[in-house]
N, C-alpha and C. Protein backbone atom coordinates (compact mmCIF):
# COMPACT_ATOMS: atom_id res chain seq x y z
N MET A 1 1.59 2.07 -11.99
CA MET A 1 2.32 1.66 -10.81
C MET A 1 1.78 0.31 -10.35
N SER A 2 2.65 -0.68 -10.30
CA SER A 2 2.22 -1.98 -9.81
C SER A 2 2.86 -2.22 -8.44
N HIS A 3 2.08 -2.84 -7.60
CA HIS A 3 2.54 -3.11 -6.24
C HIS A 3 3.38 -4.38 -6.21
N LEU A 4 4.25 -4.46 -5.23
CA LEU A 4 5.04 -5.67 -5.07
C LEU A 4 4.14 -6.82 -4.65
N THR A 5 4.42 -7.99 -5.17
CA THR A 5 3.64 -9.17 -4.80
C THR A 5 4.32 -9.86 -3.63
N LEU A 6 3.61 -10.79 -3.02
CA LEU A 6 4.17 -11.55 -1.92
C LEU A 6 5.39 -12.34 -2.40
N ALA A 7 5.31 -12.89 -3.59
CA ALA A 7 6.45 -13.64 -4.15
C ALA A 7 7.67 -12.73 -4.31
N GLU A 8 7.47 -11.50 -4.77
CA GLU A 8 8.58 -10.56 -4.91
C GLU A 8 9.16 -10.21 -3.54
N ARG A 9 8.30 -10.09 -2.55
CA ARG A 9 8.77 -9.78 -1.20
C ARG A 9 9.63 -10.92 -0.66
N TYR A 10 9.23 -12.16 -0.92
CA TYR A 10 10.06 -13.29 -0.50
C TYR A 10 11.39 -13.28 -1.24
N GLU A 11 11.37 -12.93 -2.51
CA GLU A 11 12.60 -12.88 -3.28
C GLU A 11 13.52 -11.78 -2.76
N ILE A 12 12.96 -10.63 -2.40
CA ILE A 12 13.76 -9.55 -1.81
C ILE A 12 14.43 -10.06 -0.54
N SER A 13 13.68 -10.75 0.29
CA SER A 13 14.20 -11.26 1.55
C SER A 13 15.37 -12.22 1.31
N VAL A 14 15.20 -13.15 0.39
CA VAL A 14 16.24 -14.13 0.09
C VAL A 14 17.49 -13.45 -0.46
N LEU A 15 17.30 -12.55 -1.40
CA LEU A 15 18.45 -11.87 -2.02
C LEU A 15 19.20 -11.00 -1.01
N LYS A 16 18.47 -10.32 -0.15
CA LYS A 16 19.13 -9.48 0.86
C LYS A 16 19.91 -10.35 1.84
N LYS A 17 19.37 -11.52 2.22
CA LYS A 17 20.08 -12.42 3.12
C LYS A 17 21.35 -12.97 2.47
N GLN A 18 21.36 -13.04 1.14
CA GLN A 18 22.54 -13.49 0.41
C GLN A 18 23.55 -12.37 0.21
N GLY A 19 23.21 -11.16 0.70
CA GLY A 19 24.15 -10.06 0.65
C GLY A 19 24.05 -9.17 -0.58
N PHE A 20 22.98 -9.31 -1.35
CA PHE A 20 22.82 -8.48 -2.54
C PHE A 20 22.51 -7.04 -2.13
N SER A 21 23.01 -6.09 -2.92
CA SER A 21 22.70 -4.68 -2.68
C SER A 21 21.28 -4.41 -3.17
N ASN A 22 20.74 -3.26 -2.76
CA ASN A 22 19.40 -2.87 -3.22
C ASN A 22 19.37 -2.74 -4.74
N SER A 23 20.45 -2.22 -5.31
CA SER A 23 20.52 -2.07 -6.77
C SER A 23 20.48 -3.42 -7.47
N ARG A 24 21.20 -4.38 -6.92
CA ARG A 24 21.23 -5.71 -7.53
C ARG A 24 19.88 -6.41 -7.38
N VAL A 25 19.25 -6.26 -6.20
CA VAL A 25 17.92 -6.83 -5.99
C VAL A 25 16.94 -6.23 -7.00
N ALA A 26 17.03 -4.92 -7.18
CA ALA A 26 16.15 -4.22 -8.12
C ALA A 26 16.35 -4.75 -9.54
N THR A 27 17.58 -4.97 -9.92
CA THR A 27 17.87 -5.50 -11.25
C THR A 27 17.27 -6.89 -11.41
N GLU A 28 17.43 -7.73 -10.39
CA GLU A 28 16.91 -9.11 -10.43
C GLU A 28 15.38 -9.13 -10.57
N LEU A 29 14.72 -8.15 -9.95
CA LEU A 29 13.25 -8.10 -9.96
C LEU A 29 12.69 -7.18 -11.04
N SER A 30 13.56 -6.55 -11.81
CA SER A 30 13.14 -5.57 -12.82
C SER A 30 12.33 -4.44 -12.18
N ARG A 31 12.84 -3.95 -11.07
CA ARG A 31 12.24 -2.83 -10.35
C ARG A 31 13.28 -1.73 -10.20
N ASP A 32 12.83 -0.55 -9.82
CA ASP A 32 13.75 0.54 -9.54
C ASP A 32 14.37 0.33 -8.16
N LYS A 33 15.62 0.75 -7.99
CA LYS A 33 16.28 0.54 -6.71
C LYS A 33 15.60 1.31 -5.57
N SER A 34 14.99 2.44 -5.89
CA SER A 34 14.29 3.20 -4.85
C SER A 34 13.06 2.44 -4.36
N THR A 35 12.44 1.64 -5.22
CA THR A 35 11.30 0.81 -4.80
C THR A 35 11.75 -0.18 -3.75
N ILE A 36 12.90 -0.79 -3.96
CA ILE A 36 13.43 -1.77 -3.01
C ILE A 36 13.79 -1.09 -1.69
N GLY A 37 14.44 0.06 -1.78
CA GLY A 37 14.82 0.80 -0.58
C GLY A 37 13.61 1.21 0.25
N ARG A 38 12.57 1.72 -0.42
CA ARG A 38 11.35 2.12 0.30
C ARG A 38 10.68 0.90 0.93
N GLU A 39 10.65 -0.20 0.19
CA GLU A 39 10.04 -1.43 0.69
C GLU A 39 10.72 -1.89 1.97
N LEU A 40 12.04 -1.91 1.95
CA LEU A 40 12.79 -2.37 3.12
C LEU A 40 12.62 -1.42 4.31
N LYS A 41 12.58 -0.14 4.05
CA LYS A 41 12.44 0.84 5.12
C LYS A 41 11.01 0.86 5.69
N ARG A 42 10.03 0.85 4.82
CA ARG A 42 8.64 0.99 5.21
C ARG A 42 8.08 -0.25 5.90
N ASN A 43 8.55 -1.42 5.47
CA ASN A 43 7.90 -2.65 5.93
C ASN A 43 8.75 -3.54 6.82
N ALA A 44 9.86 -3.02 7.32
CA ALA A 44 10.67 -3.80 8.25
C ALA A 44 9.95 -3.93 9.58
N ASP A 45 10.27 -4.98 10.31
CA ASP A 45 9.71 -5.19 11.65
C ASP A 45 10.17 -4.04 12.54
N SER A 46 9.25 -3.34 13.16
CA SER A 46 9.59 -2.16 13.95
C SER A 46 10.35 -2.51 15.23
N ARG A 47 10.25 -3.76 15.69
CA ARG A 47 10.94 -4.15 16.92
C ARG A 47 12.43 -4.43 16.70
N ASN A 48 12.77 -5.09 15.59
CA ASN A 48 14.17 -5.46 15.39
C ASN A 48 14.73 -5.00 14.04
N GLN A 49 13.95 -4.28 13.26
CA GLN A 49 14.34 -3.73 11.96
C GLN A 49 14.71 -4.80 10.92
N LYS A 50 14.27 -6.04 11.13
CA LYS A 50 14.51 -7.09 10.14
C LYS A 50 13.34 -7.13 9.17
N TYR A 51 13.65 -7.46 7.93
CA TYR A 51 12.62 -7.53 6.89
C TYR A 51 12.04 -8.93 6.83
N ARG A 52 10.72 -9.01 7.03
CA ARG A 52 10.00 -10.28 6.93
C ARG A 52 8.91 -10.12 5.88
N PRO A 53 8.96 -10.92 4.81
CA PRO A 53 8.01 -10.73 3.70
C PRO A 53 6.55 -10.90 4.09
N ASP A 54 6.25 -11.83 5.00
CA ASP A 54 4.85 -12.01 5.41
C ASP A 54 4.34 -10.79 6.17
N LEU A 55 5.16 -10.24 7.05
CA LEU A 55 4.78 -9.02 7.78
C LEU A 55 4.69 -7.84 6.83
N ALA A 56 5.61 -7.76 5.87
CA ALA A 56 5.59 -6.67 4.90
C ALA A 56 4.28 -6.68 4.09
N GLN A 57 3.83 -7.87 3.71
CA GLN A 57 2.57 -7.98 2.96
C GLN A 57 1.39 -7.54 3.82
N LYS A 58 1.39 -7.93 5.10
CA LYS A 58 0.30 -7.52 6.00
C LYS A 58 0.28 -6.01 6.18
N LYS A 59 1.46 -5.41 6.35
CA LYS A 59 1.52 -3.96 6.50
C LYS A 59 1.01 -3.26 5.25
N SER A 60 1.42 -3.76 4.10
CA SER A 60 0.99 -3.17 2.83
C SER A 60 -0.52 -3.29 2.66
N ASP A 61 -1.06 -4.46 2.94
CA ASP A 61 -2.51 -4.67 2.83
C ASP A 61 -3.27 -3.74 3.78
N ARG A 62 -2.77 -3.58 5.01
CA ARG A 62 -3.45 -2.73 5.99
C ARG A 62 -3.44 -1.28 5.53
N ARG A 63 -2.29 -0.80 5.03
CA ARG A 63 -2.24 0.59 4.53
C ARG A 63 -3.20 0.79 3.38
N HIS A 64 -3.28 -0.20 2.51
CA HIS A 64 -4.18 -0.09 1.36
C HIS A 64 -5.64 -0.03 1.82
N GLN A 65 -6.01 -0.81 2.83
CA GLN A 65 -7.38 -0.81 3.32
C GLN A 65 -7.73 0.48 4.04
N GLU A 66 -6.75 1.06 4.73
CA GLU A 66 -7.02 2.25 5.55
C GLU A 66 -6.97 3.56 4.77
N LYS A 67 -6.46 3.55 3.56
CA LYS A 67 -6.34 4.81 2.83
C LYS A 67 -7.73 5.33 2.43
N ASN A 68 -7.81 6.62 2.25
CA ASN A 68 -9.08 7.24 1.88
C ASN A 68 -9.53 6.74 0.52
N LYS A 69 -10.77 6.38 0.44
CA LYS A 69 -11.34 5.88 -0.80
C LYS A 69 -12.22 6.95 -1.42
N HIS A 70 -12.42 6.84 -2.70
CA HIS A 70 -13.31 7.75 -3.41
C HIS A 70 -14.74 7.51 -2.92
N VAL A 71 -15.40 8.56 -2.46
CA VAL A 71 -16.76 8.44 -1.94
C VAL A 71 -17.75 8.63 -3.08
N VAL A 72 -18.65 7.70 -3.21
CA VAL A 72 -19.66 7.74 -4.25
C VAL A 72 -20.99 8.12 -3.60
N PHE A 73 -21.76 8.96 -4.28
CA PHE A 73 -23.08 9.30 -3.77
C PHE A 73 -23.98 8.07 -3.80
N THR A 74 -24.42 7.66 -2.63
CA THR A 74 -25.38 6.57 -2.56
C THR A 74 -26.77 7.15 -2.75
N ASP A 75 -27.75 6.30 -2.95
CA ASP A 75 -29.13 6.78 -3.10
C ASP A 75 -29.57 7.53 -1.85
N GLN A 76 -29.15 7.05 -0.68
CA GLN A 76 -29.53 7.70 0.58
C GLN A 76 -28.96 9.11 0.64
N ILE A 77 -27.71 9.28 0.25
CA ILE A 77 -27.09 10.62 0.27
C ILE A 77 -27.77 11.52 -0.75
N LYS A 78 -28.07 11.00 -1.93
CA LYS A 78 -28.75 11.79 -2.95
C LYS A 78 -30.12 12.25 -2.46
N ASP A 79 -30.88 11.35 -1.84
CA ASP A 79 -32.19 11.70 -1.30
C ASP A 79 -32.07 12.77 -0.23
N ASN A 80 -31.09 12.63 0.63
CA ASN A 80 -30.87 13.59 1.70
C ASN A 80 -30.53 14.96 1.13
N GLU A 81 -29.65 15.01 0.15
CA GLU A 81 -29.27 16.28 -0.46
C GLU A 81 -30.43 16.91 -1.22
N THR A 82 -31.21 16.09 -1.90
CA THR A 82 -32.38 16.60 -2.62
C THR A 82 -33.38 17.18 -1.63
N GLY A 83 -33.59 16.50 -0.52
CA GLY A 83 -34.50 16.99 0.52
C GLY A 83 -34.05 18.32 1.08
N LYS A 84 -32.76 18.49 1.33
CA LYS A 84 -32.24 19.75 1.86
C LYS A 84 -32.45 20.89 0.88
N SER A 85 -32.20 20.63 -0.39
CA SER A 85 -32.36 21.71 -1.36
C SER A 85 -33.83 22.08 -1.53
N LEU A 86 -34.74 21.11 -1.42
CA LEU A 86 -36.16 21.42 -1.49
C LEU A 86 -36.60 22.25 -0.30
N LEU A 87 -36.10 21.93 0.88
CA LEU A 87 -36.44 22.72 2.08
C LEU A 87 -35.96 24.15 1.93
N LYS A 88 -34.76 24.34 1.38
CA LYS A 88 -34.25 25.70 1.20
C LYS A 88 -35.13 26.49 0.24
N LYS A 89 -35.66 25.84 -0.81
CA LYS A 89 -36.49 26.53 -1.77
C LYS A 89 -37.79 27.00 -1.12
N TRP A 90 -38.35 26.22 -0.20
CA TRP A 90 -39.65 26.53 0.36
C TRP A 90 -39.57 27.34 1.64
N ASN A 91 -38.37 27.59 2.13
CA ASN A 91 -38.26 28.39 3.37
C ASN A 91 -38.00 29.82 3.07
């Protein structure tokens, strides 16, 4: 799965302003039409429902930063867990 680029978002904006359908925009960008539909719905300006590529990129970046990330055991967490298990053995 590849994410839309800022350049693709600008192209979506231009094509939609020219009156292209989502299917035609998808064909032009070699994307699925549902990708275009989700992009327009998810990233439109909430105040006026207009699609702005710069705002869409910011929204996408923010969602990507806020999503849950895979947690890796740091040395501190490993030491803490090892200490707890040692305490349980000796209690």
